[in-house]
Each structure stands twice: as C-alpha cells, then as structure tokens.
Amino acid sequence: LRILTGAMATASRTDLPQNSIVVARNMGPAELLDYDREKLRGVVLEEGGHTSHVAIVARALGIPAVGQAEGLIDLIDTGSSIIVDGGTGDVFVRPSSDLQKAYAEKVRFYARKQAQYAALRDEPAILKDGVQIELNINAGLVVDMPHLHDSGADGVGLYRTELHFMLASRFPRLSSQFRHYRQIIDQANGKPVTFRTLDIGADKVLPYLRQPKEENPALGWRSIRMALDRPALLRLQLRALLLAGEGIPMKIMFP
C-alpha cells in the first residue's frame, strides 16, 4: 500500500521542497524522471489514467500517481495540503486533522513493515515444507537496480524492456539498446537477469509505432504477436541483448 503525504509545489523540477506533490494537467515519463525523487512524494494529473506511460513509470519508481483528476488545478493553491492514496486513487485536498492522523498512521505502519522485511533481508527463503526457493525482483528501469542488492534478492526475475522504449522519442537503435542492457547487467553484479522482450500493446503504446484500433486490444496485435509480425524489431532487440550479455549467462522471456 503506497500512501504518502506532502504539499503541492510548483517549484522547478530540481528544486522541490521536501515532501512535494506535483499537480499538473499532464506529464510525460521523461519529465517525471527529471524531478528529485528524494523529495517527490506523489503526482496528480488532470489527464491520463492508471495505464498511462507516466503512471506505469511512477509505479516502477514507487511514486504514488493518480490521474483523471479533472479540474483539480483550479481548486488548489501552491502549498495546499494534499494526501495522495496511490492504492485507491483517492486525492484529498486540505484534509481534516483526523484524516491526516489516520494516513500518518498508515505511513508509519508501512514503514514498520518495511523495517521488518529489511531485518529478514539475508535470511534464506525456505517454505514450511523445508524447500528453499529463489526470490527475485521485478524491474524495468536503471533506477530499479539498487533494489536488487538492498532487498537481498537472488536476481531479477523479470526485466521489462518496454519501459526503455516508452521513454524514447523514437525506436531505440542497436547501440542505445546495447548500452541499456549492458548497464543493467553490470549493475546486477553477477546476479542473473531475465529480460522480457518488448511487451507493447493494449495499455502500453509507443507514440512512434502505429498500432491498429481494436475492439479487444488485450487479445490483439501486441507482445510476441507484434514481434513476429515485425521480425526486424525482434531481431534487433535480440541482437542487442546477446551483445550485451556476451560471455554472461542470460535468460530471455517472450511475452
């Protein structure tokens, strides 16, 4: 449950006050990455929704994000007190003291749970029947990789390569993909990484890749079906992955 509190601010992206919540009409993923993530505690957008690019990236960064908050900018001022509940999609403007206390307790509860998990970081993952299993993290951005070592995970069980494509203004070339994958492998520091090939379609679209309008996009032209229909794109990505992982054990997953 990702619930944080803070104050809305219109300061520059690199000069946010502590515990800031940014409210805007819309925002792209690259803009979100420009903000100081040590100070940014939430994002509220009048446009966009749960499946927008910026919402997907925000979730990957652990930043609560709520979209489709129509007319919110006209209701608030710089410095207004706001609570953003990234779990329910609720936004509370100028919350009562009782509500602030309730959410503050939820934040403290979350922090206590995180501390409990941290204390177990180096313990082996053993089921009740005595079977030891691997625990891996999911990732999709370079900024996710510190969690691999902070959590004590055995590796990256799923690396979503599509986020790199979603942040680009055009289809990434071989050199760009190679550098990105190599950076991920280097930061894994010997731990295994499973890369999933481009999983685009339905709720995840690329502005530079034309996709047909479909009655049911989830079952339509997406993921591996799209890759097989555009084999040059798949070959390019596979080549970049193989070059980046030369001499290193690697797993590749097809969506």
Protein backbone atom coordinates (compact mmCIF):
# COMPACT_ATOMS: atom_id res chain seq x y z
CA LEU A 1 0.00 0.00 0.00
CA ARG A 2 1.71 3.16 -1.18
CA ILE A 3 0.35 6.08 0.78
CA LEU A 4 2.35 9.24 1.34
CA THR A 5 1.55 12.79 2.32
CA GLY A 6 3.03 16.12 1.35
CA ALA A 7 2.43 19.59 -0.01
CA MET A 8 1.78 20.53 -3.62
CA ALA A 9 4.50 22.67 -5.11
CA THR A 10 5.22 24.40 -8.42
CA ALA A 11 8.94 24.75 -7.85
CA SER A 12 11.41 23.75 -10.55
CA ARG A 13 11.94 20.06 -11.06
CA THR A 14 15.39 20.13 -9.48
CA ASP A 15 14.47 22.40 -6.57
CA LEU A 16 11.44 20.78 -4.96
CA PRO A 17 10.63 21.35 -1.29
CA GLN A 18 10.63 18.26 0.88
CA ASN A 19 7.54 16.04 0.66
CA SER A 20 6.24 17.62 -2.53
CA ILE A 21 3.28 16.52 -4.57
CA VAL A 22 3.29 17.72 -8.16
CA VAL A 23 -0.08 18.57 -9.70
CA ALA A 24 -0.22 19.09 -13.45
CA ARG A 25 -2.54 18.73 -16.41
CA ASN A 26 -0.32 16.11 -17.99
CA MET A 27 3.24 14.86 -17.88
CA GLY A 28 5.45 12.53 -19.86
CA PRO A 29 7.66 9.81 -18.38
CA ALA A 30 10.85 11.71 -19.21
CA GLU A 31 9.56 14.77 -17.34
CA LEU A 32 8.83 12.65 -14.28
CA LEU A 33 12.40 11.39 -14.25
CA ASP A 34 13.66 15.00 -14.14
CA TYR A 35 12.20 15.56 -10.67
CA ASP A 36 14.17 14.99 -7.47
CA ARG A 37 12.81 11.63 -6.38
CA GLU A 38 14.16 12.11 -2.85
CA LYS A 39 11.67 14.95 -2.39
CA LEU A 40 8.82 13.95 -4.71
CA ARG A 41 6.10 12.10 -2.81
CA GLY A 42 3.30 11.94 -5.35
CA VAL A 43 1.95 13.01 -8.73
CA VAL A 44 -1.62 14.02 -9.57
CA LEU A 45 -2.63 14.63 -13.18
CA GLU A 46 -5.83 16.04 -14.62
CA GLU A 47 -5.35 13.89 -17.70
CA GLY A 48 -4.04 10.38 -18.13
CA GLY A 49 -5.02 7.34 -16.17
CA HIS A 50 -3.80 4.22 -14.41
CA THR A 51 -2.39 2.79 -17.64
CA SER A 52 -0.71 5.94 -19.00
CA HIS A 53 3.04 5.91 -19.62
CA VAL A 54 3.79 8.23 -16.72
CA ALA A 55 1.65 6.15 -14.34
CA ILE A 56 3.49 2.98 -15.31
CA VAL A 57 6.87 4.64 -14.77
CA ALA A 58 5.71 6.21 -11.49
CA ARG A 59 4.72 2.80 -10.16
CA ALA A 60 8.12 1.44 -11.17
CA LEU A 61 9.71 4.24 -9.14
CA GLY A 62 7.43 3.67 -6.14
CA ILE A 63 5.80 7.11 -6.53
CA PRO A 64 2.03 7.28 -5.93
CA ALA A 65 0.33 8.63 -9.05
CA VAL A 66 -3.33 9.43 -9.66
CA GLY A 67 -4.77 10.51 -13.00
CA GLN A 68 -8.05 11.87 -14.37
CA ALA A 69 -8.35 14.38 -11.52
CA GLU A 70 -10.27 16.83 -13.70
CA GLY A 71 -10.39 20.44 -12.52
CA LEU A 72 -8.04 19.89 -9.58
CA ILE A 73 -5.63 22.68 -10.54
CA ASP A 74 -8.44 25.25 -10.19
CA LEU A 75 -9.22 24.00 -6.67
CA ILE A 76 -5.78 24.30 -5.10
CA ASP A 77 -3.02 26.79 -4.49
CA THR A 78 0.72 26.36 -4.17
CA GLY A 79 1.36 24.97 -0.71
CA SER A 80 -2.06 23.38 -0.32
CA SER A 81 -2.07 20.31 1.89
CA ILE A 82 -2.83 17.17 -0.11
CA ILE A 83 -2.98 13.45 0.58
CA VAL A 84 -2.49 11.12 -2.39
CA ASP A 85 -3.51 7.49 -1.97
CA GLY A 86 -1.83 5.61 -4.78
CA GLY A 87 -3.59 2.40 -3.81
CA THR A 88 -7.18 3.60 -4.10
CA GLY A 89 -6.69 6.53 -6.47
CA ASP A 90 -8.10 8.99 -3.93
CA VAL A 91 -6.84 12.57 -3.61
CA PHE A 92 -7.76 14.60 -0.51
CA VAL A 93 -7.36 18.39 -0.72
CA ARG A 94 -6.96 20.24 2.58
CA PRO A 95 -7.72 17.08 4.60
CA SER A 96 -9.06 17.31 8.14
CA SER A 97 -6.72 16.73 11.05
CA ASP A 98 -8.39 13.38 11.75
CA LEU A 99 -7.80 12.23 8.19
CA GLN A 100 -4.19 13.41 8.32
CA LYS A 101 -3.65 11.44 11.52
CA ALA A 102 -5.22 8.33 10.00
CA TYR A 103 -2.99 8.46 6.95
CA ALA A 104 0.07 9.32 9.02
CA GLU A 105 -0.54 6.11 10.97
CA LYS A 106 -0.79 4.17 7.70
CA VAL A 107 2.56 5.62 6.63
CA ARG A 108 4.11 4.60 9.96
CA PHE A 109 2.61 1.11 9.64
CA TYR A 110 4.09 0.78 6.16
CA ALA A 111 7.49 1.92 7.46
CA ARG A 112 7.37 -0.65 10.26
CA LYS A 113 6.59 -3.42 7.79
CA GLN A 114 9.46 -2.32 5.58
CA ALA A 115 11.80 -2.41 8.58
CA GLN A 116 10.63 -5.94 9.40
CA TYR A 117 11.30 -7.05 5.84
CA ALA A 118 14.74 -5.40 5.90
CA ALA A 119 15.65 -7.37 9.03
CA LEU A 120 14.97 -10.58 7.09
CA ARG A 121 16.99 -9.49 4.07
CA ASP A 122 19.81 -12.02 4.42
CA GLU A 123 17.69 -14.92 5.64
CA PRO A 124 17.21 -17.87 3.25
CA ALA A 125 13.80 -18.18 1.58
CA ILE A 126 12.55 -21.53 2.90
CA LEU A 127 8.97 -22.80 2.66
CA LYS A 128 7.23 -24.54 5.56
CA ASP A 129 7.99 -27.92 3.99
CA GLY A 130 11.70 -27.13 4.05
CA VAL A 131 12.09 -26.41 0.34
CA GLN A 132 14.37 -23.44 -0.37
CA ILE A 133 13.27 -21.17 -3.20
CA GLU A 134 14.66 -18.16 -5.03
CA LEU A 135 13.22 -14.68 -4.55
CA ASN A 136 13.71 -12.24 -7.40
CA ILE A 137 12.67 -8.66 -8.04
CA ASN A 138 10.83 -7.17 -11.00
CA ALA A 139 12.47 -4.18 -12.68
CA GLY A 140 12.10 -2.00 -15.74
CA LEU A 141 14.41 0.97 -15.25
CA VAL A 142 18.03 1.53 -14.29
CA VAL A 143 16.81 3.22 -11.10
CA ASP A 144 15.22 -0.08 -10.05
CA MET A 145 18.53 -1.91 -9.87
CA PRO A 146 19.65 -0.73 -6.40
CA HIS A 147 16.60 -2.60 -5.03
CA LEU A 148 18.23 -5.84 -6.17
CA HIS A 149 21.00 -5.52 -3.62
CA ASP A 150 19.03 -3.58 -1.00
CA SER A 151 16.43 -6.35 -0.86
CA GLY A 152 18.88 -9.24 -0.88
CA ALA A 153 17.05 -10.80 -3.83
CA ASP A 154 18.66 -13.62 -5.80
CA GLY A 155 18.29 -11.83 -9.11
CA VAL A 156 15.93 -10.02 -11.47
CA GLY A 157 13.14 -12.42 -12.33
CA LEU A 158 11.58 -10.04 -14.85
CA TYR A 159 13.16 -7.04 -16.52
CA ARG A 160 10.52 -5.16 -18.54
CA THR A 161 12.42 -3.87 -21.56
CA GLU A 162 9.43 -1.90 -22.87
CA LEU A 163 9.93 0.96 -20.40
CA HIS A 164 13.17 1.88 -22.19
CA PHE A 165 11.19 2.09 -25.43
CA MET A 166 8.38 4.09 -23.82
CA LEU A 167 10.82 6.75 -22.63
CA ALA A 168 12.38 7.17 -26.07
CA SER A 169 11.18 9.63 -28.70
CA ARG A 170 11.83 7.07 -31.45
CA PHE A 171 12.59 3.38 -31.70
CA PRO A 172 15.92 2.84 -29.87
CA ARG A 173 18.79 1.85 -32.12
CA LEU A 174 21.05 -1.12 -31.57
CA SER A 175 23.69 0.96 -29.79
CA SER A 176 21.12 2.50 -27.41
CA GLN A 177 19.60 -0.85 -26.53
CA PHE A 178 23.02 -2.44 -26.09
CA ARG A 179 24.16 0.27 -23.66
CA HIS A 180 20.96 0.00 -21.66
CA TYR A 181 21.05 -3.78 -21.31
CA ARG A 182 24.77 -3.74 -20.54
CA GLN A 183 24.18 -1.20 -17.78
CA ILE A 184 21.53 -3.45 -16.25
CA ILE A 185 23.82 -6.48 -16.40
CA ASP A 186 26.70 -4.54 -14.87
CA GLN A 187 24.53 -3.26 -12.02
CA ALA A 188 23.27 -6.78 -11.35
CA ASN A 189 26.88 -7.53 -10.38
CA GLY A 190 26.80 -11.20 -11.27
CA LYS A 191 23.22 -11.91 -10.24
CA PRO A 192 21.01 -13.37 -13.00
CA VAL A 193 18.66 -11.17 -15.02
CA THR A 194 15.72 -12.38 -17.09
CA PHE A 195 14.98 -9.88 -19.85
CA ARG A 196 11.48 -9.88 -21.32
CA THR A 197 11.35 -8.79 -24.94
CA LEU A 198 9.24 -5.84 -25.97
CA ASP A 199 5.75 -6.17 -24.47
CA ILE A 200 3.81 -3.41 -26.20
CA GLY A 201 0.10 -3.25 -26.92
CA ALA A 202 -3.23 -2.78 -25.15
CA ASP A 203 -2.42 -0.39 -22.28
CA LYS A 204 1.20 0.18 -23.39
CA VAL A 205 1.68 2.04 -26.66
CA LEU A 206 4.61 3.72 -28.36
CA PRO A 207 3.90 7.15 -29.89
CA TYR A 208 6.24 6.38 -32.80
CA LEU A 209 4.76 2.95 -33.60
CA ARG A 210 1.40 2.92 -35.34
CA GLN A 211 -0.96 0.38 -33.85
CA PRO A 212 -4.43 -0.55 -35.12
CA LYS A 213 -7.56 0.29 -33.16
CA GLU A 214 -9.02 -2.96 -31.89
CA GLU A 215 -12.18 -3.98 -30.09
CA ASN A 216 -10.18 -6.00 -27.57
CA PRO A 217 -6.53 -4.80 -27.61
CA ALA A 218 -5.55 -7.26 -24.85
CA LEU A 219 -6.09 -10.12 -27.30
CA GLY A 220 -4.98 -8.23 -30.38
CA TRP A 221 -1.79 -7.12 -32.10
CA ARG A 222 0.62 -6.99 -29.18
CA SER A 223 3.62 -8.57 -27.47
CA ILE A 224 5.00 -11.63 -29.28
CA ARG A 225 2.31 -11.43 -31.98
CA MET A 226 3.52 -7.96 -32.88
CA ALA A 227 7.16 -9.09 -32.72
CA LEU A 228 6.53 -11.99 -35.10
CA ASP A 229 4.70 -9.64 -37.45
CA ARG A 230 7.64 -7.20 -37.31
CA PRO A 231 10.59 -9.63 -37.14
CA ALA A 232 13.17 -6.91 -37.80
CA LEU A 233 12.28 -5.25 -34.48
CA LEU A 234 12.60 -8.54 -32.62
CA ARG A 235 15.90 -9.43 -34.29
CA LEU A 236 17.32 -6.02 -33.42
CA GLN A 237 16.40 -6.39 -29.76
CA LEU A 238 17.69 -9.95 -29.55
CA ARG A 239 20.97 -8.89 -31.14
CA ALA A 240 21.37 -6.07 -28.61
CA LEU A 241 20.64 -8.47 -25.74
CA LEU A 242 23.11 -11.07 -26.99
CA LEU A 243 25.83 -8.48 -27.49
CA ALA A 244 25.25 -7.01 -24.03
CA GLY A 245 25.33 -10.42 -22.40
CA GLU A 246 28.29 -11.84 -24.28
CA GLY A 247 30.05 -14.38 -22.08
CA ILE A 248 27.45 -13.98 -19.32
CA PRO A 249 24.60 -16.41 -18.57
CA MET A 250 21.36 -14.73 -19.61
CA LYS A 251 17.67 -15.58 -19.71
CA ILE A 252 15.25 -14.12 -22.24
CA MET A 253 11.49 -14.28 -21.80
CA PHE A 254 8.96 -13.85 -24.60
CA PRO A 255 5.64 -12.21 -23.67
